[in-house]
Protein backbone atom coordinates (compact mmCIF):
# COMPACT_ATOMS: atom_id res chain seq x y z
CA MET A 1 109.78 -20.43 -23.27
CA GLN A 2 109.65 -18.74 -19.69
CA LEU A 3 106.39 -18.59 -18.06
CA PRO A 4 106.47 -16.72 -14.91
CA PHE A 5 109.85 -15.73 -15.43
CA THR A 6 112.51 -14.52 -17.17
CA ALA A 7 115.68 -15.24 -18.06
CA TRP A 8 109.02 -17.21 -16.99
CA ILE A 9 102.07 -18.76 -18.94
CA SER A 10 86.71 -24.36 -33.40
CA GLY A 11 86.42 -24.84 -37.02
CA ALA A 12 88.42 -23.01 -39.35
CA VAL A 13 86.26 -20.13 -39.42
CA GLY A 14 86.08 -19.83 -35.59
CA MET A 15 89.85 -19.99 -35.62
CA ALA A 16 90.17 -17.17 -37.93
CA ALA A 17 87.83 -14.99 -35.93
CA LEU A 18 89.48 -15.75 -32.79
CA CYS A 19 93.03 -14.69 -34.27
CA LEU A 20 91.65 -11.62 -35.91
CA ALA A 21 89.96 -10.68 -32.39
CA VAL A 22 93.29 -10.92 -30.76
CA ALA A 23 95.60 -9.58 -33.15
CA SER A 24 93.70 -6.57 -34.21
CA PRO A 25 93.41 -4.71 -30.90
CA ARG A 26 97.16 -5.36 -30.08
CA LEU A 27 98.27 -3.81 -33.40
CA ILE A 28 96.03 -1.05 -32.87
CA ALA A 29 97.14 -0.57 -29.22
CA ALA A 30 100.73 -0.62 -30.30
CA GLU A 31 100.06 2.32 -32.87
CA LEU A 32 97.96 4.27 -30.25
CA ALA A 33 99.88 3.81 -27.13
CA PRO A 34 102.36 6.37 -25.80
CA ALA A 35 106.00 5.43 -26.09
CA TRP A 36 107.05 3.14 -23.28
CA SER A 37 109.26 5.10 -20.91
CA VAL A 38 111.40 3.93 -18.11
CA PRO A 39 113.79 6.10 -16.07
CA ASP A 40 117.38 5.69 -16.23
CA ILE A 41 118.85 4.15 -13.12
CA ASP A 42 122.37 4.61 -14.02
CA LYS A 43 121.70 8.39 -13.96
CA LEU A 44 121.09 8.20 -10.34
CA PRO A 45 123.89 9.81 -8.09
CA ASN A 46 125.87 7.30 -6.01
CA ASP A 47 124.25 8.92 -2.81
CA PRO A 48 121.91 6.91 0.02
CA TRP A 49 118.97 7.16 -2.31
CA GLY A 50 120.84 6.06 -5.40
CA LYS A 51 122.36 3.20 -3.66
CA LEU A 52 118.93 2.13 -2.09
CA VAL A 53 117.46 2.25 -5.48
CA ARG A 54 120.21 -0.10 -6.75
CA LEU A 55 119.96 -2.56 -4.20
CA GLY A 56 116.32 -2.89 -5.09
CA ARG A 57 116.98 -3.40 -8.73
CA ASP A 58 119.71 -6.07 -7.72
CA GLN A 59 117.41 -7.87 -5.25
CA THR A 60 114.82 -7.91 -8.20
CA VAL A 61 117.26 -9.31 -10.56
CA ALA A 62 119.05 -11.75 -8.36
CA THR A 63 116.85 -12.47 -5.41
CA TYR A 64 118.18 -16.04 -4.88
CA ALA A 65 121.39 -14.45 -4.24
CA HIS A 66 120.23 -11.78 -1.80
CA LEU A 67 117.08 -13.32 -0.19
CA GLY A 68 117.00 -16.98 -1.29
CA PRO A 69 117.53 -20.12 0.73
CA GLU A 70 121.20 -20.33 -0.81
CA ALA A 71 122.04 -16.87 0.10
CA ALA A 72 125.36 -16.37 2.19
CA ASP A 73 123.27 -15.08 4.94
CA PRO A 74 121.05 -17.65 6.75
CA ALA A 75 119.28 -14.77 8.33
CA LYS A 76 118.37 -13.50 4.85
CA HIS A 77 116.77 -16.78 3.67
CA TYR A 78 113.46 -14.99 3.19
CA ALA A 79 112.57 -16.67 -0.27
CA GLY A 80 111.63 -20.46 -0.02
CA ASN A 81 112.80 -21.06 -3.74
CA ASN A 82 115.79 -19.96 -6.02
CA LEU A 83 113.47 -18.00 -8.28
CA THR A 84 114.11 -14.15 -8.81
CA CYS A 85 111.43 -11.42 -8.88
CA GLN A 86 112.34 -10.69 -12.56
CA ASN A 87 111.09 -14.34 -13.27
CA CYS A 88 107.48 -12.67 -13.03
CA HIS A 89 108.29 -8.94 -13.48
CA LEU A 90 110.43 -9.21 -16.75
CA GLU A 91 113.35 -7.12 -17.32
CA ALA A 92 113.73 -5.90 -13.85
CA GLY A 93 110.21 -5.08 -13.64
CA THR A 94 110.47 -2.64 -17.08
CA LYS A 95 109.19 -4.77 -19.67
CA GLN A 96 105.76 -3.70 -21.09
CA PHE A 97 103.16 -6.29 -20.42
CA GLY A 98 105.71 -8.18 -18.60
CA LEU A 99 104.31 -7.31 -15.32
CA PRO A 100 106.10 -4.05 -15.04
CA PHE A 101 106.67 -2.22 -11.82
CA VAL A 102 106.16 1.03 -13.86
CA GLY A 103 103.37 3.22 -12.32
CA VAL A 104 102.90 0.55 -9.36
CA PHE A 105 103.96 3.02 -6.53
CA ALA A 106 100.85 5.23 -7.24
CA ASP A 107 98.54 2.46 -6.85
CA PHE A 108 99.09 1.95 -3.28
CA PRO A 109 97.58 2.08 -0.61
CA GLN A 110 95.15 -0.42 -2.33
CA TYR A 111 91.84 -2.57 -1.75
CA ARG A 112 92.76 -6.17 -2.58
CA GLY A 113 90.01 -8.58 -2.67
CA ARG A 114 92.51 -11.59 -1.73
CA GLU A 115 92.98 -10.02 1.55
CA GLY A 116 89.66 -8.25 1.92
CA LYS A 117 91.10 -5.03 3.01
CA VAL A 118 93.29 -1.93 2.01
CA GLY A 119 96.85 -2.94 1.96
CA SER A 120 100.20 -0.94 1.65
CA LEU A 121 102.70 -1.37 -1.17
CA GLU A 122 104.89 -3.32 1.62
CA ASP A 123 101.99 -5.71 2.19
CA ARG A 124 101.69 -6.26 -1.62
CA ILE A 125 105.68 -7.22 -1.72
CA ASN A 126 105.10 -9.66 1.00
CA GLY A 127 102.34 -11.16 -0.55
CA CYS A 128 104.93 -12.13 -3.48
CA MET A 129 107.49 -13.11 -0.90
CA GLU A 130 104.89 -15.57 0.64
CA ARG A 131 103.62 -16.82 -2.32
CA SER A 132 105.65 -16.26 -5.64
CA MET A 133 108.65 -16.81 -3.67
CA ASN A 134 107.24 -19.56 -1.27
CA GLY A 135 108.92 -17.70 1.46
CA ARG A 136 108.18 -15.62 4.52
CA ALA A 137 107.66 -11.91 4.96
CA LEU A 138 110.42 -9.52 4.93
CA PRO A 139 110.62 -7.07 8.13
CA LEU A 140 108.67 -3.87 7.33
CA ASP A 141 111.53 -1.64 8.84
CA GLY A 142 114.27 -3.58 7.12
CA THR A 143 116.79 -2.54 4.54
CA GLU A 144 115.83 -5.21 1.98
CA MET A 145 111.89 -3.90 2.08
CA ALA A 146 113.19 -0.33 1.88
CA ALA A 147 115.04 -1.40 -1.30
CA PHE A 148 112.20 -2.90 -2.87
CA VAL A 149 109.86 0.13 -2.26
CA ALA A 150 112.64 2.48 -3.47
CA TYR A 151 113.09 0.79 -6.76
CA ILE A 152 109.54 0.54 -7.24
CA LYS A 153 109.02 4.04 -6.42
CA PHE A 154 111.78 5.19 -8.69
CA LEU A 155 110.31 3.22 -11.85
CA SER A 156 107.12 5.05 -11.12
CA THR A 157 108.85 8.40 -11.15
CA GLY A 158 106.42 10.98 -12.79
CA VAL A 159 103.24 8.78 -12.64
CA PRO A 160 100.33 10.40 -10.61
CA ILE A 161 97.94 8.68 -8.18
CA GLY A 162 95.06 7.20 -10.49
CA ALA A 163 96.71 7.45 -13.72
CA GLN A 164 96.51 4.63 -16.27
CA THR A 165 99.86 3.40 -17.49
CA SER A 166 99.90 1.85 -20.75
CA GLY A 167 101.78 -1.39 -20.64
CA ARG A 168 100.87 -2.41 -17.11
CA GLY A 169 100.05 -6.03 -16.49
CA THR A 170 100.19 -8.82 -18.87
CA GLY A 171 97.43 -8.01 -21.62
CA ASP A 172 94.05 -8.95 -21.96
CA MET A 173 93.29 -11.41 -24.95
CA PRO A 174 89.79 -12.66 -25.23
CA LYS A 175 88.93 -15.62 -23.12
CA LEU A 176 88.33 -19.18 -24.77
CA SER A 177 84.75 -20.30 -25.10
CA ARG A 178 85.91 -23.81 -24.22
CA ALA A 179 87.73 -25.31 -21.48
CA ALA A 180 91.70 -25.31 -21.93
CA ASP A 181 92.86 -28.50 -23.51
CA LEU A 182 95.73 -29.90 -21.29
CA GLY A 183 96.56 -32.64 -23.99
CA HIS A 184 97.15 -29.91 -26.34
CA GLY A 185 98.88 -27.76 -23.99
CA LYS A 186 101.53 -30.68 -23.18
CA ALA A 187 102.27 -30.78 -26.80
CA VAL A 188 102.85 -26.90 -27.16
CA PHE A 189 104.96 -27.18 -24.09
CA ALA A 190 107.23 -30.07 -25.64
CA GLN A 191 107.73 -28.38 -28.81
CA THR A 192 108.13 -24.64 -27.78
CA CYS A 193 108.80 -24.29 -23.96
CA ALA A 194 110.96 -27.83 -23.25
CA SER A 195 114.08 -26.43 -24.97
CA CYS A 196 114.35 -23.88 -22.05
CA HIS A 197 112.70 -25.11 -19.15
CA GLY A 198 113.06 -28.96 -19.75
CA LEU A 199 110.64 -31.44 -20.65
CA ASP A 200 110.13 -31.92 -16.89
CA GLY A 201 109.69 -28.43 -16.24
CA GLN A 202 112.48 -28.05 -13.89
CA GLY A 203 114.49 -25.54 -15.75
CA LYS A 204 118.23 -24.97 -15.97
CA ARG A 205 120.54 -23.81 -13.21
CA HIS A 206 123.44 -21.51 -13.35
CA GLY A 207 125.70 -23.70 -11.51
CA PRO A 208 125.27 -26.48 -8.98
CA VAL A 209 122.73 -26.71 -6.27
CA GLY A 210 123.74 -24.54 -3.16
CA ASP A 211 125.91 -21.97 -4.95
CA ALA A 212 123.28 -19.18 -4.88
CA GLY A 213 123.41 -18.88 -8.57
CA GLY A 214 119.85 -19.23 -9.34
CA TYR A 215 118.44 -20.25 -12.69
CA GLU A 216 119.18 -19.61 -16.21
CA PHE A 217 115.77 -20.69 -17.07
CA PRO A 218 113.22 -21.19 -13.96
CA PRO A 219 111.33 -24.06 -13.05
CA LEU A 220 107.69 -23.94 -13.87
CA TRP A 221 106.56 -26.41 -11.41
CA GLY A 222 107.99 -28.60 -8.74
CA PRO A 223 109.44 -27.70 -5.23
CA ASP A 224 111.46 -24.91 -6.44
CA SER A 225 108.65 -22.89 -8.21
CA PHE A 226 105.99 -20.74 -6.85
CA ASN A 227 103.33 -22.06 -4.48
CA ASP A 228 99.61 -22.74 -5.18
CA GLY A 229 98.49 -19.32 -3.89
CA ALA A 230 100.50 -17.26 -6.22
CA GLY A 231 98.93 -14.83 -8.62
CA MET A 232 100.68 -16.72 -11.36
CA ASN A 233 98.83 -19.96 -10.45
CA ARG A 234 95.57 -18.47 -12.17
CA LEU A 235 95.07 -19.54 -15.81
CA ILE A 236 94.08 -15.86 -16.97
CA SER A 237 96.95 -14.39 -15.39
CA ALA A 238 99.40 -16.98 -17.09
CA ALA A 239 97.93 -17.42 -20.38
CA ASN A 240 98.11 -13.52 -21.00
CA PHE A 241 101.54 -13.64 -19.63
CA VAL A 242 102.60 -16.38 -21.91
CA HIS A 243 100.98 -14.80 -24.92
CA SER A 244 102.49 -11.40 -24.49
CA ASN A 245 106.03 -12.53 -23.54
CA MET A 246 106.90 -16.06 -24.37
CA PRO A 247 108.99 -17.59 -25.81
CA ASN A 248 111.60 -15.47 -24.04
CA GLY A 249 112.02 -12.20 -26.02
CA THR A 250 108.48 -12.15 -27.65
CA SER A 251 107.10 -8.54 -27.74
CA TRP A 252 103.26 -8.13 -26.90
CA ALA A 253 102.60 -6.46 -30.07
CA ALA A 254 103.47 -9.44 -32.08
CA PRO A 255 102.85 -12.81 -29.94
CA ALA A 256 104.82 -15.86 -30.90
CA LEU A 257 102.07 -18.21 -30.01
CA SER A 258 98.26 -18.17 -31.01
CA ALA A 259 95.90 -17.42 -28.22
CA GLU A 260 94.65 -20.86 -27.99
CA ASP A 261 98.21 -22.00 -27.78
CA ALA A 262 98.83 -19.78 -25.02
CA TRP A 263 95.67 -20.85 -23.14
CA ASP A 264 96.49 -24.50 -23.46
CA VAL A 265 100.09 -24.36 -22.53
CA ALA A 266 99.60 -22.07 -19.70
CA ALA A 267 96.70 -24.62 -18.50
CA TYR A 268 99.26 -27.51 -18.66
CA VAL A 269 101.87 -25.68 -16.61
CA GLU A 270 99.01 -24.78 -13.82
CA SER A 271 98.15 -28.44 -13.71
CA GLN A 272 101.42 -29.60 -12.67
CA PRO A 273 102.46 -30.33 -8.66
CA ARG A 274 103.96 -27.19 -6.83
CA PRO A 275 104.08 -26.30 -3.22
CA ALA A 276 101.03 -25.97 -1.26
CA ARG A 277 100.29 -22.72 0.61
CA PRO A 278 98.24 -23.46 3.98
CA HIS A 279 94.86 -21.91 4.57
CA LEU A 280 93.88 -20.72 1.24
CA GLU A 281 90.35 -20.95 2.02
CA ASN A 282 90.90 -17.60 3.87
CA ASP A 283 91.50 -15.92 0.78
CA PHE A 284 88.91 -13.68 -0.61
CA PRO A 285 86.57 -13.33 2.31
CA VAL A 286 84.16 -11.56 0.23
CA ARG A 287 83.61 -14.62 -2.02
CA LEU A 288 82.06 -12.34 -4.83
CA GLN A 289 85.29 -10.82 -5.46
CA LYS A 290 87.15 -14.06 -6.01
CA PRO A 291 88.62 -14.14 -9.50
CA VAL A 292 86.83 -16.64 -11.81
CA ASP A 293 90.21 -18.32 -12.38
CA THR A 294 91.14 -19.10 -8.93
CA GLY A 295 92.20 -22.58 -8.63
CA TYR A 296 91.03 -23.30 -5.15
CA GLY A 297 87.97 -23.16 -3.02
CA PRO A 298 85.41 -22.30 -1.45
CA TYR A 299 83.20 -20.90 -4.29
CA ILE A 300 80.09 -19.19 -4.17
CA ASP A 301 78.97 -19.53 -7.77
CA GLY A 302 78.19 -23.44 -8.10
CA PHE A 303 80.96 -24.26 -10.43
CA ASP A 304 83.41 -26.97 -9.69
CA ARG A 305 87.10 -26.41 -9.26
CA THR A 306 87.92 -27.97 -12.73
CA GLN A 307 86.08 -25.18 -14.39
CA HIS A 308 87.67 -22.53 -12.39
CA ARG A 309 91.06 -23.83 -13.25
CA LEU A 310 90.56 -24.64 -17.06
CA GLY A 311 87.28 -22.77 -18.06
CA PRO A 312 85.24 -21.80 -19.91
CA PHE A 313 84.99 -18.77 -17.72
CA GLY A 314 81.79 -16.96 -19.26
CA PRO A 315 79.42 -18.89 -17.54
CA ILE A 316 81.33 -18.22 -14.10
CA GLU A 317 81.29 -14.67 -15.07
CA GLN A 318 77.70 -14.51 -15.78
CA LYS A 319 76.61 -16.39 -12.48
CA VAL A 320 78.78 -13.96 -10.33
CA LYS A 321 77.23 -10.93 -12.18
CA ASP A 322 73.72 -12.35 -11.35
CA LEU A 323 74.64 -12.85 -7.82
CA LYS A 324 75.88 -9.65 -7.37
CA ALA A 325 72.80 -8.03 -8.96
CA GLU A 326 70.81 -10.21 -6.64
CA LYS A 327 72.58 -8.89 -3.53
CA ALA A 328 72.34 -5.33 -4.62
CA SER A 329 68.58 -5.50 -5.34
């Protein structure tokens, strides 16, 4: 299984009900959703625009070679790990419910609670560079940034501002009514994920360290993984990603793992050590906009870090709803 990445997260009656609740909406959506369509990059001419879009695609697929710490040009060492953007944005950002880029361009400028302000697409890309890639921001006027923006714009061809694009994100399965079970998650990882990512979660490189070749299967924790401020370090995001996409090759419409297995194995991965991002206390300056699965404080809802990391999330959601109502009254 690959988590944030490519080539990466009650009784018998209750269990059956949960499975039905998860499967039915997905099967219905698979029948009703419009056909997933991605523009063909190979049809672009070999002009400056086509070259820039292709560079953006190449940077997405092999980030480690272009921008990683082992890249040939030391000035281009923007990423702090040897992951690739498509470890999270599967199939170069084109896979349905694999965090695709399709339609993303039309979302920006966009207000984001994490920063508490309206930001540009370039800001969002640099957020990934600093968190998921555990590195530093790209120059806003550089070719690297222009290429990422061009590629995302190309994949969003024909999607108008404000349009809902079927297949965006990672899916939305029902949340557990219990806390995630780390022991069960460890067992699921050993049975399902370790064959690719290793029992130690450190993945499998294409070649030796230092060759800028990246990973065949990426590490899910440890020093060469995403840091604790990354979006994939939130359980709801990771569990839905796992359920829709893992093991690698899984379709969102026909998940290989049960919902409970996905929640628990994602929680196990999230519980492992990874690089620490400084000043996370400054995230979500409007505390009531902080996602309930944010694994770091401060919190305004009275629940502790463990429940924010593992759930159950229902009580937190209700408390936040009540606090918002109080504030509005």
